[in-house]
Amino acid sequence: VKELRSGTRNFMIFPSGSRHSSKLKGGAVLIAKMSGRSLLPVVYQGPLKFIGLFRRGSTSVAFGPLIPVPKKADEKEIIISMQKAFSDLDKKINKNWVYIDPHPKRTNNNDK
């Protein structure tokens, strides 16, 4: 958080806590609040397994507008803003994109 405050570093986090979950959690919001930094939504559409990057196919990445996170921001409101930003970016790249979990047998107890 200190390095984020100083402006010398940036930080990447999956706000779902995993690449294999779509339920957003509040950790990214908490870090943004503590550091005074905004959130930058980024969406990736492409192979979901590392080996898929070496095969022919399309890969797209889209960056959304910064989401400011005031220190007194309501966590739930920011999470809703992030989810909307992710959905808008997905539609912008490919409105028919469907995420299929490559590890469907894995369960994340926090998603219950």
PDB file of N, CA and C in Angstrom:
ATOM      1  N   VAL A   1       0.831  -1.186   0.000  1.00  0.00           N
ATOM      2  CA  VAL A   1       0.000   0.000   0.000  1.00  0.00           C
ATOM      3  C   VAL A   1       0.876   1.249   0.000  1.00  0.00           C
ATOM      4  N   LYS A   2       1.997   1.214   0.741  1.00  0.00           N
ATOM      5  CA  LYS A   2       2.897   2.372   0.792  1.00  0.00           C
ATOM      6  C   LYS A   2       3.437   2.694  -0.605  1.00  0.00           C
ATOM      7  N   GLU A   3       3.839   1.654  -1.337  1.00  0.00           N
ATOM      8  CA  GLU A   3       4.377   1.888  -2.675  1.00  0.00           C
ATOM      9  C   GLU A   3       3.303   2.368  -3.639  1.00  0.00           C
ATOM     10  N   LEU A   4       2.091   1.899  -3.469  1.00  0.00           N
ATOM     11  CA  LEU A   4       0.990   2.394  -4.298  1.00  0.00           C
ATOM     12  C   LEU A   4       0.731   3.866  -4.004  1.00  0.00           C
ATOM     13  N   ARG A   5       0.774   4.229  -2.737  1.00  0.00           N
ATOM     14  CA  ARG A   5       0.576   5.631  -2.348  1.00  0.00           C
ATOM     15  C   ARG A   5       1.647   6.530  -2.939  1.00  0.00           C
ATOM     16  N   SER A   6       2.874   6.027  -2.993  1.00  0.00           N
ATOM     17  CA  SER A   6       3.981   6.851  -3.490  1.00  0.00           C
ATOM     18  C   SER A   6       3.907   7.075  -4.994  1.00  0.00           C
ATOM     19  N   GLY A   7       3.113   6.263  -5.684  1.00  0.00           N
ATOM     20  CA  GLY A   7       2.975   6.433  -7.130  1.00  0.00           C
ATOM     21  C   GLY A   7       4.073   5.764  -7.933  1.00  0.00           C
ATOM     22  N   THR A   8       4.964   5.023  -7.268  1.00  0.00           N
ATOM     23  CA  THR A   8       6.061   4.387  -7.989  1.00  0.00           C
ATOM     24  C   THR A   8       5.711   2.987  -8.480  1.00  0.00           C
ATOM     25  N   ARG A   9       4.624   2.448  -8.008  1.00  0.00           N
ATOM     26  CA  ARG A   9       4.236   1.082  -8.374  1.00  0.00           C
ATOM     27  C   ARG A   9       2.756   1.015  -8.729  1.00  0.00           C
ATOM     28  N   ASN A  10       2.422  -0.006  -9.507  1.00  0.00           N
ATOM     29  CA  ASN A  10       1.041  -0.372  -9.765  1.00  0.00           C
ATOM     30  C   ASN A  10       0.866  -1.802  -9.297  1.00  0.00           C
ATOM     31  N   PHE A  11      -0.365  -2.237  -9.213  1.00  0.00           N
ATOM     32  CA  PHE A  11      -0.650  -3.536  -8.639  1.00  0.00           C
ATOM     33  C   PHE A  11      -1.767  -4.186  -9.446  1.00  0.00           C
ATOM     34  N   MET A  12      -1.579  -5.458  -9.818  1.00  0.00           N
ATOM     35  CA  MET A  12      -2.609  -6.181 -10.548  1.00  0.00           C
ATOM     36  C   MET A  12      -3.209  -7.239  -9.636  1.00  0.00           C
ATOM     37  N   ILE A  13      -4.532  -7.314  -9.636  1.00  0.00           N
ATOM     38  CA  ILE A  13      -5.215  -8.282  -8.792  1.00  0.00           C
ATOM     39  C   ILE A  13      -6.463  -8.769  -9.527  1.00  0.00           C
ATOM     40  N   PHE A  14      -6.773 -10.045  -9.366  1.00  0.00           N
ATOM     41  CA  PHE A  14      -8.030 -10.568  -9.867  1.00  0.00           C
ATOM     42  C   PHE A  14      -9.062 -10.290  -8.777  1.00  0.00           C
ATOM     43  N   PRO A  15     -10.019  -9.383  -9.022  1.00  0.00           N
ATOM     44  CA  PRO A  15     -10.953  -9.015  -7.953  1.00  0.00           C
ATOM     45  C   PRO A  15     -11.913 -10.129  -7.548  1.00  0.00           C
ATOM     46  N   SER A  16     -11.822 -11.271  -8.230  1.00  0.00           N
ATOM     47  CA  SER A  16     -12.620 -12.422  -7.812  1.00  0.00           C
ATOM     48  C   SER A  16     -11.808 -13.323  -6.884  1.00  0.00           C
ATOM     49  N   GLY A  17     -10.525 -13.004  -6.720  1.00  0.00           N
ATOM     50  CA  GLY A  17      -9.650 -13.821  -5.887  1.00  0.00           C
ATOM     51  C   GLY A  17      -9.057 -14.987  -6.642  1.00  0.00           C
ATOM     52  N   SER A  18      -9.457 -15.168  -7.895  1.00  0.00           N
ATOM     53  CA  SER A  18      -9.029 -16.308  -8.696  1.00  0.00           C
ATOM     54  C   SER A  18      -9.315 -16.020 -10.159  1.00  0.00           C
ATOM     55  N   ARG A  19      -8.578 -16.662 -11.045  1.00  0.00           N
ATOM     56  CA  ARG A  19      -8.906 -16.549 -12.466  1.00  0.00           C
ATOM     57  C   ARG A  19     -10.107 -17.423 -12.808  1.00  0.00           C
ATOM     58  N   HIS A  20     -10.541 -18.238 -11.876  1.00  0.00           N
ATOM     59  CA  HIS A  20     -11.596 -19.214 -12.164  1.00  0.00           C
ATOM     60  C   HIS A  20     -12.869 -18.943 -11.365  1.00  0.00           C
ATOM     61  N   SER A  21     -13.183 -17.688 -11.192  1.00  0.00           N
ATOM     62  CA  SER A  21     -14.401 -17.314 -10.495  1.00  0.00           C
ATOM     63  C   SER A  21     -14.892 -16.004 -11.089  1.00  0.00           C
ATOM     64  N   SER A  22     -16.186 -15.798 -11.088  1.00  0.00           N
ATOM     65  CA  SER A  22     -16.724 -14.537 -11.593  1.00  0.00           C
ATOM     66  C   SER A  22     -17.311 -13.681 -10.475  1.00  0.00           C
ATOM     67  N   LYS A  23     -17.304 -14.202  -9.257  1.00  0.00           N
ATOM     68  CA  LYS A  23     -17.844 -13.452  -8.127  1.00  0.00           C
ATOM     69  C   LYS A  23     -16.765 -12.508  -7.590  1.00  0.00           C
ATOM     70  N   LEU A  24     -17.022 -11.202  -7.686  1.00  0.00           N
ATOM     71  CA  LEU A  24     -16.039 -10.224  -7.239  1.00  0.00           C
ATOM     72  C   LEU A  24     -16.043 -10.111  -5.725  1.00  0.00           C
ATOM     73  N   LYS A  25     -14.850  -9.907  -5.183  1.00  0.00           N
ATOM     74  CA  LYS A  25     -14.687  -9.754  -3.739  1.00  0.00           C
ATOM     75  C   LYS A  25     -14.144  -8.350  -3.462  1.00  0.00           C
ATOM     76  N   GLY A  26     -14.081  -7.960  -2.221  1.00  0.00           N
ATOM     77  CA  GLY A  26     -13.743  -6.590  -1.861  1.00  0.00           C
ATOM     78  C   GLY A  26     -12.280  -6.267  -1.669  1.00  0.00           C
ATOM     79  N   GLY A  27     -11.377  -7.218  -1.868  1.00  0.00           N
ATOM     80  CA  GLY A  27      -9.956  -6.956  -1.626  1.00  0.00           C
ATOM     81  C   GLY A  27      -9.388  -5.839  -2.477  1.00  0.00           C
ATOM     82  N   ALA A  28      -9.743  -5.815  -3.755  1.00  0.00           N
ATOM     83  CA  ALA A  28      -9.240  -4.764  -4.647  1.00  0.00           C
ATOM     84  C   ALA A  28      -9.744  -3.396  -4.198  1.00  0.00           C
ATOM     85  N   VAL A  29     -11.000  -3.351  -3.762  1.00  0.00           N
ATOM     86  CA  VAL A  29     -11.575  -2.084  -3.292  1.00  0.00           C
ATOM     87  C   VAL A  29     -10.858  -1.616  -2.026  1.00  0.00           C
ATOM     88  N   LEU A  30     -10.599  -2.526  -1.111  1.00  0.00           N
ATOM     89  CA  LEU A  30      -9.901  -2.182   0.123  1.00  0.00           C
ATOM     90  C   LEU A  30      -8.508  -1.629  -0.167  1.00  0.00           C
ATOM     91  N   ILE A  31      -7.780  -2.282  -1.053  1.00  0.00           N
ATOM     92  CA  ILE A  31      -6.431  -1.823  -1.401  1.00  0.00           C
ATOM     93  C   ILE A  31      -6.495  -0.452  -2.063  1.00  0.00           C
ATOM     94  N   ALA A  32      -7.473  -0.255  -2.946  1.00  0.00           N
ATOM     95  CA  ALA A  32      -7.633   1.041  -3.608  1.00  0.00           C
ATOM     96  C   ALA A  32      -7.953   2.135  -2.592  1.00  0.00           C
ATOM     97  N   LYS A  33      -8.834   1.834  -1.639  1.00  0.00           N
ATOM     98  CA  LYS A  33      -9.185   2.812  -0.594  1.00  0.00           C
ATOM     99  C   LYS A  33      -7.947   3.192   0.220  1.00  0.00           C
ATOM    100  N   MET A  34      -7.197   2.183   0.646  1.00  0.00           N
ATOM    101  CA  MET A  34      -6.039   2.420   1.510  1.00  0.00           C
ATOM    102  C   MET A  34      -4.930   3.175   0.792  1.00  0.00           C
ATOM    103  N   SER A  35      -4.796   2.934  -0.505  1.00  0.00           N
ATOM    104  CA  SER A  35      -3.700   3.543  -1.256  1.00  0.00           C
ATOM    105  C   SER A  35      -4.081   4.863  -1.912  1.00  0.00           C
ATOM    106  N   GLY A  36      -5.391   5.120  -2.007  1.00  0.00           N
ATOM    107  CA  GLY A  36      -5.829   6.340  -2.686  1.00  0.00           C
ATOM    108  C   GLY A  36      -5.748   6.236  -4.195  1.00  0.00           C
ATOM    109  N   ARG A  37      -5.623   5.015  -4.713  1.00  0.00           N
ATOM    110  CA  ARG A  37      -5.509   4.806  -6.162  1.00  0.00           C
ATOM    111  C   ARG A  37      -6.844   4.373  -6.741  1.00  0.00           C
ATOM    112  N   SER A  38      -6.990   4.566  -8.047  1.00  0.00           N
ATOM    113  CA  SER A  38      -8.190   4.139  -8.764  1.00  0.00           C
ATOM    114  C   SER A  38      -8.020   2.712  -9.250  1.00  0.00           C
ATOM    115  N   LEU A  39      -9.132   2.098  -9.621  1.00  0.00           N
ATOM    116  CA  LEU A  39      -9.116   0.754 -10.210  1.00  0.00           C
ATOM    117  C   LEU A  39      -9.191   0.886 -11.724  1.00  0.00           C
ATOM    118  N   LEU A  40      -8.446   0.059 -12.430  1.00  0.00           N
ATOM    119  CA  LEU A  40      -8.473   0.025 -13.894  1.00  0.00           C
ATOM    120  C   LEU A  40      -9.012  -1.335 -14.319  1.00  0.00           C
ATOM    121  N   PRO A  41     -10.251  -1.396 -14.800  1.00  0.00           N
ATOM    122  CA  PRO A  41     -10.789  -2.687 -15.244  1.00  0.00           C
ATOM    123  C   PRO A  41     -10.133  -3.117 -16.556  1.00  0.00           C
ATOM    124  N   VAL A  42      -9.748  -4.382 -16.615  1.00  0.00           N
ATOM    125  CA  VAL A  42      -9.131  -4.951 -17.806  1.00  0.00           C
ATOM    126  C   VAL A  42      -9.805  -6.293 -18.078  1.00  0.00           C
ATOM    127  N   VAL A  43     -10.168  -6.507 -19.335  1.00  0.00           N
ATOM    128  CA  VAL A  43     -10.821  -7.748 -19.731  1.00  0.00           C
ATOM    129  C   VAL A  43      -9.962  -8.446 -20.770  1.00  0.00           C
ATOM    130  N   TYR A  44      -9.822  -9.748 -20.601  1.00  0.00           N
ATOM    131  CA  TYR A  44      -9.078 -10.607 -21.532  1.00  0.00           C
ATOM    132  C   TYR A  44     -10.046 -11.627 -22.106  1.00  0.00           C
ATOM    133  N   GLN A  45     -10.021 -11.754 -23.423  1.00  0.00           N
ATOM    134  CA  GLN A  45     -10.787 -12.806 -24.090  1.00  0.00           C
ATOM    135  C   GLN A  45      -9.808 -13.568 -24.976  1.00  0.00           C
ATOM    136  N   GLY A  46      -9.659 -14.826 -24.702  1.00  0.00           N
ATOM    137  CA  GLY A  46      -8.732 -15.654 -25.463  1.00  0.00           C
ATOM    138  C   GLY A  46      -8.604 -16.994 -24.786  1.00  0.00           C
ATOM    139  N   PRO A  47      -7.556 -17.737 -25.143  1.00  0.00           N
ATOM    140  CA  PRO A  47      -7.365 -19.056 -24.530  1.00  0.00           C
ATOM    141  C   PRO A  47      -7.290 -18.953 -23.014  1.00  0.00           C
ATOM    142  N   LEU A  48      -7.910 -19.900 -22.348  1.00  0.00           N
ATOM    143  CA  LEU A  48      -7.933 -19.879 -20.893  1.00  0.00           C
ATOM    144  C   LEU A  48      -6.867 -20.760 -20.262  1.00  0.00           C
ATOM    145  N   LYS A  49      -6.218 -21.560 -21.077  1.00  0.00           N
ATOM    146  CA  LYS A  49      -5.101 -22.368 -20.594  1.00  0.00           C
ATOM    147  C   LYS A  49      -3.833 -21.841 -21.264  1.00  0.00           C
ATOM    148  N   PHE A  50      -2.733 -21.901 -20.544  1.00  0.00           N
ATOM    149  CA  PHE A  50      -1.471 -21.360 -21.039  1.00  0.00           C
ATOM    150  C   PHE A  50      -1.091 -21.947 -22.391  1.00  0.00           C
ATOM    151  N   ILE A  51      -1.286 -23.238 -22.570  1.00  0.00           N
ATOM    152  CA  ILE A  51      -0.911 -23.875 -23.829  1.00  0.00           C
ATOM    153  C   ILE A  51      -1.689 -23.305 -25.010  1.00  0.00           C
ATOM    154  N   GLY A  52      -2.899 -22.813 -24.749  1.00  0.00           N
ATOM    155  CA  GLY A  52      -3.716 -22.234 -25.807  1.00  0.00           C
ATOM    156  C   GLY A  52      -3.117 -20.983 -26.418  1.00  0.00           C
ATOM    157  N   LEU A  53      -2.219 -20.325 -25.701  1.00  0.00           N
ATOM    158  CA  LEU A  53      -1.572 -19.127 -26.237  1.00  0.00           C
ATOM    159  C   LEU A  53      -0.648 -19.445 -27.403  1.00  0.00           C
ATOM    160  N   PHE A  54      -0.203 -20.692 -27.504  1.00  0.00           N
ATOM    161  CA  PHE A  54       0.717 -21.080 -28.567  1.00  0.00           C
ATOM    162  C   PHE A  54      -0.007 -21.589 -29.810  1.00  0.00           C
ATOM    163  N   ARG A  55      -1.295 -21.718 -29.739  1.00  0.00           N
ATOM    164  CA  ARG A  55      -2.095 -22.156 -30.886  1.00  0.00           C
ATOM    165  C   ARG A  55      -2.652 -20.935 -31.584  1.00  0.00           C
ATOM    166  N   ARG A  56      -3.024 -21.125 -32.840  1.00  0.00           N
ATOM    167  CA  ARG A  56      -3.626 -20.012 -33.563  1.00  0.00           C
ATOM    168  C   ARG A  56      -5.013 -19.733 -33.013  1.00  0.00           C
ATOM    169  N   GLY A  57      -5.330 -18.518 -32.918  1.00  0.00           N
ATOM    170  CA  GLY A  57      -6.619 -18.093 -32.392  1.00  0.00           C
ATOM    171  C   GLY A  57      -6.524 -16.643 -31.963  1.00  0.00           C
ATOM    172  N   SER A  58      -7.642 -16.059 -31.734  1.00  0.00           N
ATOM    173  CA  SER A  58      -7.610 -14.643 -31.386  1.00  0.00           C
ATOM    174  C   SER A  58      -7.527 -14.449 -29.879  1.00  0.00           C
ATOM    175  N   THR A  59      -6.859 -13.385 -29.527  1.00  0.00           N
ATOM    176  CA  THR A  59      -6.747 -12.957 -28.142  1.00  0.00           C
ATOM    177  C   THR A  59      -7.005 -11.464 -28.136  1.00  0.00           C
ATOM    178  N   SER A  60      -7.859 -11.020 -27.248  1.00  0.00           N
ATOM    179  CA  SER A  60      -8.170  -9.595 -27.150  1.00  0.00           C
ATOM    180  C   SER A  60      -8.087  -9.150 -25.703  1.00  0.00           C
ATOM    181  N   VAL A  61      -7.611  -7.923 -25.529  1.00  0.00           N
ATOM    182  CA  VAL A  61      -7.545  -7.303 -24.214  1.00  0.00           C
ATOM    183  C   VAL A  61      -8.137  -5.904 -24.358  1.00  0.00           C
ATOM    184  N   ALA A  62      -8.999  -5.530 -23.435  1.00  0.00           N
ATOM    185  CA  ALA A  62      -9.585  -4.187 -23.457  1.00  0.00           C
ATOM    186  C   ALA A  62      -9.428  -3.552 -22.085  1.00  0.00           C
ATOM    187  N   PHE A  63      -9.134  -2.256 -22.098  1.00  0.00           N
ATOM    188  CA  PHE A  63      -8.961  -1.489 -20.869  1.00  0.00           C
ATOM    189  C   PHE A  63     -10.125  -0.522 -20.741  1.00  0.00           C
ATOM    190  N   GLY A  64     -10.725  -0.493 -19.574  1.00  0.00           N
ATOM    191  CA  GLY A  64     -11.846   0.407 -19.343  1.00  0.00           C
ATOM    192  C   GLY A  64     -11.387   1.690 -18.695  1.00  0.00           C
ATOM    193  N   PRO A  65     -12.337   2.565 -18.429  1.00  0.00           N
ATOM    194  CA  PRO A  65     -11.985   3.818 -17.754  1.00  0.00           C
ATOM    195  C   PRO A  65     -11.659   3.555 -16.281  1.00  0.00           C
ATOM    196  N   LEU A  66     -10.812   4.403 -15.730  1.00  0.00           N
ATOM    197  CA  LEU A  66     -10.476   4.291 -14.310  1.00  0.00           C
ATOM    198  C   LEU A  66     -11.725   4.443 -13.453  1.00  0.00           C
ATOM    199  N   ILE A  67     -11.768   3.681 -12.384  1.00  0.00           N
ATOM    200  CA  ILE A  67     -12.861   3.780 -11.420  1.00  0.00           C
ATOM    201  C   ILE A  67     -12.271   4.385 -10.150  1.00  0.00           C
ATOM    202  N   PRO A  68     -12.592   5.652  -9.865  1.00  0.00           N
ATOM    203  CA  PRO A  68     -12.075   6.262  -8.638  1.00  0.00           C
ATOM    204  C   PRO A  68     -12.678   5.591  -7.400  1.00  0.00           C
ATOM    205  N   VAL A  69     -11.869   5.465  -6.361  1.00  0.00           N
ATOM    206  CA  VAL A  69     -12.338   4.830  -5.127  1.00  0.00           C
ATOM    207  C   VAL A  69     -12.026   5.767  -3.960  1.00  0.00           C
ATOM    208  N   PRO A  70     -12.991   6.631  -3.629  1.00  0.00           N
ATOM    209  CA  PRO A  70     -12.780   7.514  -2.475  1.00  0.00           C
ATOM    210  C   PRO A  70     -12.651   6.699  -1.186  1.00  0.00           C
ATOM    211  N   LYS A  71     -11.954   7.236  -0.203  1.00  0.00           N
ATOM    212  CA  LYS A  71     -11.743   6.506   1.057  1.00  0.00           C
ATOM    213  C   LYS A  71     -13.045   6.117   1.742  1.00  0.00           C
ATOM    214  N   LYS A  72     -14.092   6.892   1.548  1.00  0.00           N
ATOM    215  CA  LYS A  72     -15.377   6.582   2.186  1.00  0.00           C
ATOM    216  C   LYS A  72     -16.352   5.921   1.213  1.00  0.00           C
ATOM    217  N   ALA A  73     -15.847   5.388   0.117  1.00  0.00           N
ATOM    218  CA  ALA A  73     -16.709   4.750  -0.879  1.00  0.00           C
ATOM    219  C   ALA A  73     -17.375   3.505  -0.307  1.00  0.00           C
ATOM    220  N   ASP A  74     -18.580   3.242  -0.778  1.00  0.00           N
ATOM    221  CA  ASP A  74     -19.307   2.034  -0.401  1.00  0.00           C
ATOM    222  C   ASP A  74     -18.749   0.870  -1.227  1.00  0.00           C
ATOM    223  N   GLU A  75     -18.212  -0.130  -0.539  1.00  0.00           N
ATOM    224  CA  GLU A  75     -17.587  -1.276  -1.216  1.00  0.00           C
ATOM    225  C   GLU A  75     -18.537  -1.922  -2.222  1.00  0.00           C
ATOM    226  N   LYS A  76     -19.778  -2.114  -1.848  1.00  0.00           N
ATOM    227  CA  LYS A  76     -20.740  -2.767  -2.741  1.00  0.00           C
ATOM    228  C   LYS A  76     -20.961  -1.953  -4.008  1.00  0.00           C
ATOM    229  N   GLU A  77     -21.021  -0.626  -3.889  1.00  0.00           N
ATOM    230  CA  GLU A  77     -21.203   0.231  -5.066  1.00  0.00           C
ATOM    231  C   GLU A  77     -20.005   0.130  -6.011  1.00  0.00           C
ATOM    232  N   ILE A  78     -18.816   0.091  -5.460  1.00  0.00           N
ATOM    233  CA  ILE A  78     -17.610  -0.016  -6.293  1.00  0.00           C
ATOM    234  C   ILE A  78     -17.574  -1.378  -6.981  1.00  0.00           C
ATOM    235  N   ILE A  79     -17.931  -2.439  -6.273  1.00  0.00           N
ATOM    236  CA  ILE A  79     -17.962  -3.777  -6.877  1.00  0.00           C
ATOM    237  C   ILE A  79     -18.973  -3.813  -8.021  1.00  0.00           C
ATOM    238  N   ILE A  80     -20.125  -3.188  -7.835  1.00  0.00           N
ATOM    239  CA  ILE A  80     -21.122  -3.114  -8.909  1.00  0.00           C
ATOM    240  C   ILE A  80     -20.548  -2.343 -10.099  1.00  0.00           C
ATOM    241  N   SER A  81     -19.829  -1.253  -9.837  1.00  0.00           N
ATOM    242  CA  SER A  81     -19.194  -0.482 -10.917  1.00  0.00           C
ATOM    243  C   SER A  81     -18.162  -1.314 -11.660  1.00  0.00           C
ATOM    244  N   MET A  82     -17.378  -2.104 -10.918  1.00  0.00           N
ATOM    245  CA  MET A  82     -16.373  -2.967 -11.554  1.00  0.00           C
ATOM    246  C   MET A  82     -17.050  -4.018 -12.421  1.00  0.00           C
ATOM    247  N   GLN A  83     -18.096  -4.658 -11.896  1.00  0.00           N
ATOM    248  CA  GLN A  83     -18.775  -5.704 -12.658  1.00  0.00           C
ATOM    249  C   GLN A  83     -19.380  -5.125 -13.937  1.00  0.00           C
ATOM    250  N   LYS A  84     -19.962  -3.927 -13.849  1.00  0.00           N
ATOM    251  CA  LYS A  84     -20.521  -3.278 -15.030  1.00  0.00           C
ATOM    252  C   LYS A  84     -19.421  -2.971 -16.041  1.00  0.00           C
ATOM    253  N   ALA A  85     -18.292  -2.477 -15.547  1.00  0.00           N
ATOM    254  CA  ALA A  85     -17.174  -2.173 -16.442  1.00  0.00           C
ATOM    255  C   ALA A  85     -16.688  -3.433 -17.146  1.00  0.00           C
ATOM    256  N   PHE A  86     -16.561  -4.545 -16.412  1.00  0.00           N
ATOM    257  CA  PHE A  86     -16.141  -5.807 -17.029  1.00  0.00           C
ATOM    258  C   PHE A  86     -17.148  -6.254 -18.085  1.00  0.00           C
ATOM    259  N   SER A  87     -18.425  -6.168 -17.766  1.00  0.00           N
ATOM    260  CA  SER A  87     -19.469  -6.581 -18.715  1.00  0.00           C
ATOM    261  C   SER A  87     -19.444  -5.706 -19.969  1.00  0.00           C
ATOM    262  N   ASP A  88     -19.311  -4.394 -19.777  1.00  0.00           N
ATOM    263  CA  ASP A  88     -19.252  -3.480 -20.924  1.00  0.00           C
ATOM    264  C   ASP A  88     -18.049  -3.778 -21.820  1.00  0.00           C
ATOM    265  N   LEU A  89     -16.898  -4.047 -21.198  1.00  0.00           N
ATOM    266  CA  LEU A  89     -15.695  -4.355 -21.975  1.00  0.00           C
ATOM    267  C   LEU A  89     -15.849  -5.673 -22.723  1.00  0.00           C
ATOM    268  N   ASP A  90     -16.420  -6.682 -22.056  1.00  0.00           N
ATOM    269  CA  ASP A  90     -16.659  -7.956 -22.735  1.00  0.00           C
ATOM    270  C   ASP A  90     -17.531  -7.757 -23.962  1.00  0.00           C
ATOM    271  N   LYS A  91     -18.606  -6.994 -23.821  1.00  0.00           N
ATOM    272  CA  LYS A  91     -19.515  -6.737 -24.947  1.00  0.00           C
ATOM    273  C   LYS A  91     -18.827  -5.945 -26.049  1.00  0.00           C
ATOM    274  N   LYS A  92     -17.951  -5.027 -25.648  1.00  0.00           N
ATOM    275  CA  LYS A  92     -17.226  -4.206 -26.624  1.00  0.00           C
ATOM    276  C   LYS A  92     -16.314  -5.069 -27.501  1.00  0.00           C
ATOM    277  N   ILE A  93     -15.646  -6.040 -26.886  1.00  0.00           N
ATOM    278  CA  ILE A  93     -14.758  -6.922 -27.644  1.00  0.00           C
ATOM    279  C   ILE A  93     -15.568  -7.910 -28.469  1.00  0.00           C
ATOM    280  N   ASN A  94     -16.449  -8.650 -27.785  1.00  0.00           N
ATOM    281  CA  ASN A  94     -17.244  -9.690 -28.459  1.00  0.00           C
ATOM    282  C   ASN A  94     -18.494  -9.927 -27.617  1.00  0.00           C
ATOM    283  N   LYS A  95     -19.629  -9.457 -28.104  1.00  0.00           N
ATOM    284  CA  LYS A  95     -20.861  -9.569 -27.318  1.00  0.00           C
ATOM    285  C   LYS A  95     -21.306 -11.012 -27.107  1.00  0.00           C
ATOM    286  N   ASN A  96     -20.751 -11.951 -27.883  1.00  0.00           N
ATOM    287  CA  ASN A  96     -21.118 -13.360 -27.750  1.00  0.00           C
ATOM    288  C   ASN A  96     -20.135 -14.166 -26.909  1.00  0.00           C
ATOM    289  N   TRP A  97     -19.151 -13.505 -26.316  1.00  0.00           N
ATOM    290  CA  TRP A  97     -18.135 -14.189 -25.516  1.00  0.00           C
ATOM    291  C   TRP A  97     -18.769 -14.888 -24.328  1.00  0.00           C
ATOM    292  N   VAL A  98     -18.370 -16.129 -24.105  1.00  0.00           N
ATOM    293  CA  VAL A  98     -18.843 -16.903 -22.964  1.00  0.00           C
ATOM    294  C   VAL A  98     -17.620 -17.499 -22.277  1.00  0.00           C
ATOM    295  N   TYR A  99     -17.503 -17.241 -20.994  1.00  0.00           N
ATOM    296  CA  TYR A  99     -16.400 -17.799 -20.215  1.00  0.00           C
ATOM    297  C   TYR A  99     -16.763 -19.220 -19.829  1.00  0.00           C
ATOM    298  N   ILE A 100     -15.904 -20.159 -20.187  1.00  0.00           N
ATOM    299  CA  ILE A 100     -16.091 -21.554 -19.793  1.00  0.00           C
ATOM    300  C   ILE A 100     -14.912 -21.923 -18.905  1.00  0.00           C
ATOM    301  N   ASP A 101     -15.192 -22.191 -17.665  1.00  0.00           N
ATOM    302  CA  ASP A 101     -14.152 -22.500 -16.684  1.00  0.00           C
ATOM    303  C   ASP A 101     -13.385 -23.746 -17.107  1.00  0.00           C
ATOM    304  N   PRO A 102     -12.067 -23.631 -17.318  1.00  0.00           N
ATOM    305  CA  PRO A 102     -11.278 -24.801 -17.703  1.00  0.00           C
ATOM    306  C   PRO A 102     -11.081 -25.787 -16.547  1.00  0.00           C
ATOM    307  N   HIS A 103     -11.468 -25.410 -15.353  1.00  0.00           N
ATOM    308  CA  HIS A 103     -11.330 -26.273 -14.174  1.00  0.00           C
ATOM    309  C   HIS A 103     -12.678 -26.382 -13.457  1.00  0.00           C
ATOM    310  N   PRO A 104     -13.707 -26.885 -14.121  1.00  0.00           N
ATOM    311  CA  PRO A 104     -15.047 -26.882 -13.510  1.00  0.00           C
ATOM    312  C   PRO A 104     -15.178 -27.748 -12.270  1.00  0.00           C
ATOM    313  N   LYS A 105     -14.293 -28.713 -12.079  1.00  0.00           N
ATOM    314  CA  LYS A 105     -14.399 -29.583 -10.897  1.00  0.00           C
ATOM    315  C   LYS A 105     -13.854 -28.920  -9.655  1.00  0.00           C
ATOM    316  N   ARG A 106     -13.027 -27.896  -9.832  1.00  0.00           N
ATOM    317  CA  ARG A 106     -12.492 -27.169  -8.685  1.00  0.00           C
ATOM    318  C   ARG A 106     -13.605 -26.318  -8.099  1.00  0.00           C
ATOM    319  N   THR A 107     -13.687 -26.295  -6.801  1.00  0.00           N
ATOM    320  CA  THR A 107     -14.664 -25.441  -6.150  1.00  0.00           C
ATOM    321  C   THR A 107     -13.937 -24.469  -5.254  1.00  0.00           C
ATOM    322  N   ASN A 108     -14.488 -23.303  -5.171  1.00  0.00           N
ATOM    323  CA  ASN A 108     -13.919 -22.280  -4.314  1.00  0.00           C
ATOM    324  C   ASN A 108     -14.915 -22.085  -3.183  1.00  0.00           C
ATOM    325  N   ASN A 109     -14.554 -22.507  -1.995  1.00  0.00           N
ATOM    326  CA  ASN A 109     -15.457 -22.437  -0.844  1.00  0.00           C
ATOM    327  C   ASN A 109     -15.947 -21.011  -0.567  1.00  0.00           C
ATOM    328  N   ASN A 110     -15.169 -20.021  -0.996  1.00  0.00           N
ATOM    329  CA  ASN A 110     -15.575 -18.638  -0.765  1.00  0.00           C
ATOM    330  C   ASN A 110     -16.697 -18.202  -1.686  1.00  0.00           C
ATOM    331  N   ASP A 111     -16.980 -18.954  -2.756  1.00  0.00           N
ATOM    332  CA  ASP A 111     -18.019 -18.584  -3.697  1.00  0.00           C
ATOM    333  C   ASP A 111     -19.387 -19.053  -3.253  1.00  0.00           C
ATOM    334  N   LYS A 112     -19.464 -19.818  -2.184  1.00  0.00           N
ATOM    335  CA  LYS A 112     -20.756 -20.353  -1.732  1.00  0.00           C
ATOM    336  C   LYS A 112     -21.562 -19.300  -1.031  1.00  0.00           C
TER     337      LYS A 112
END
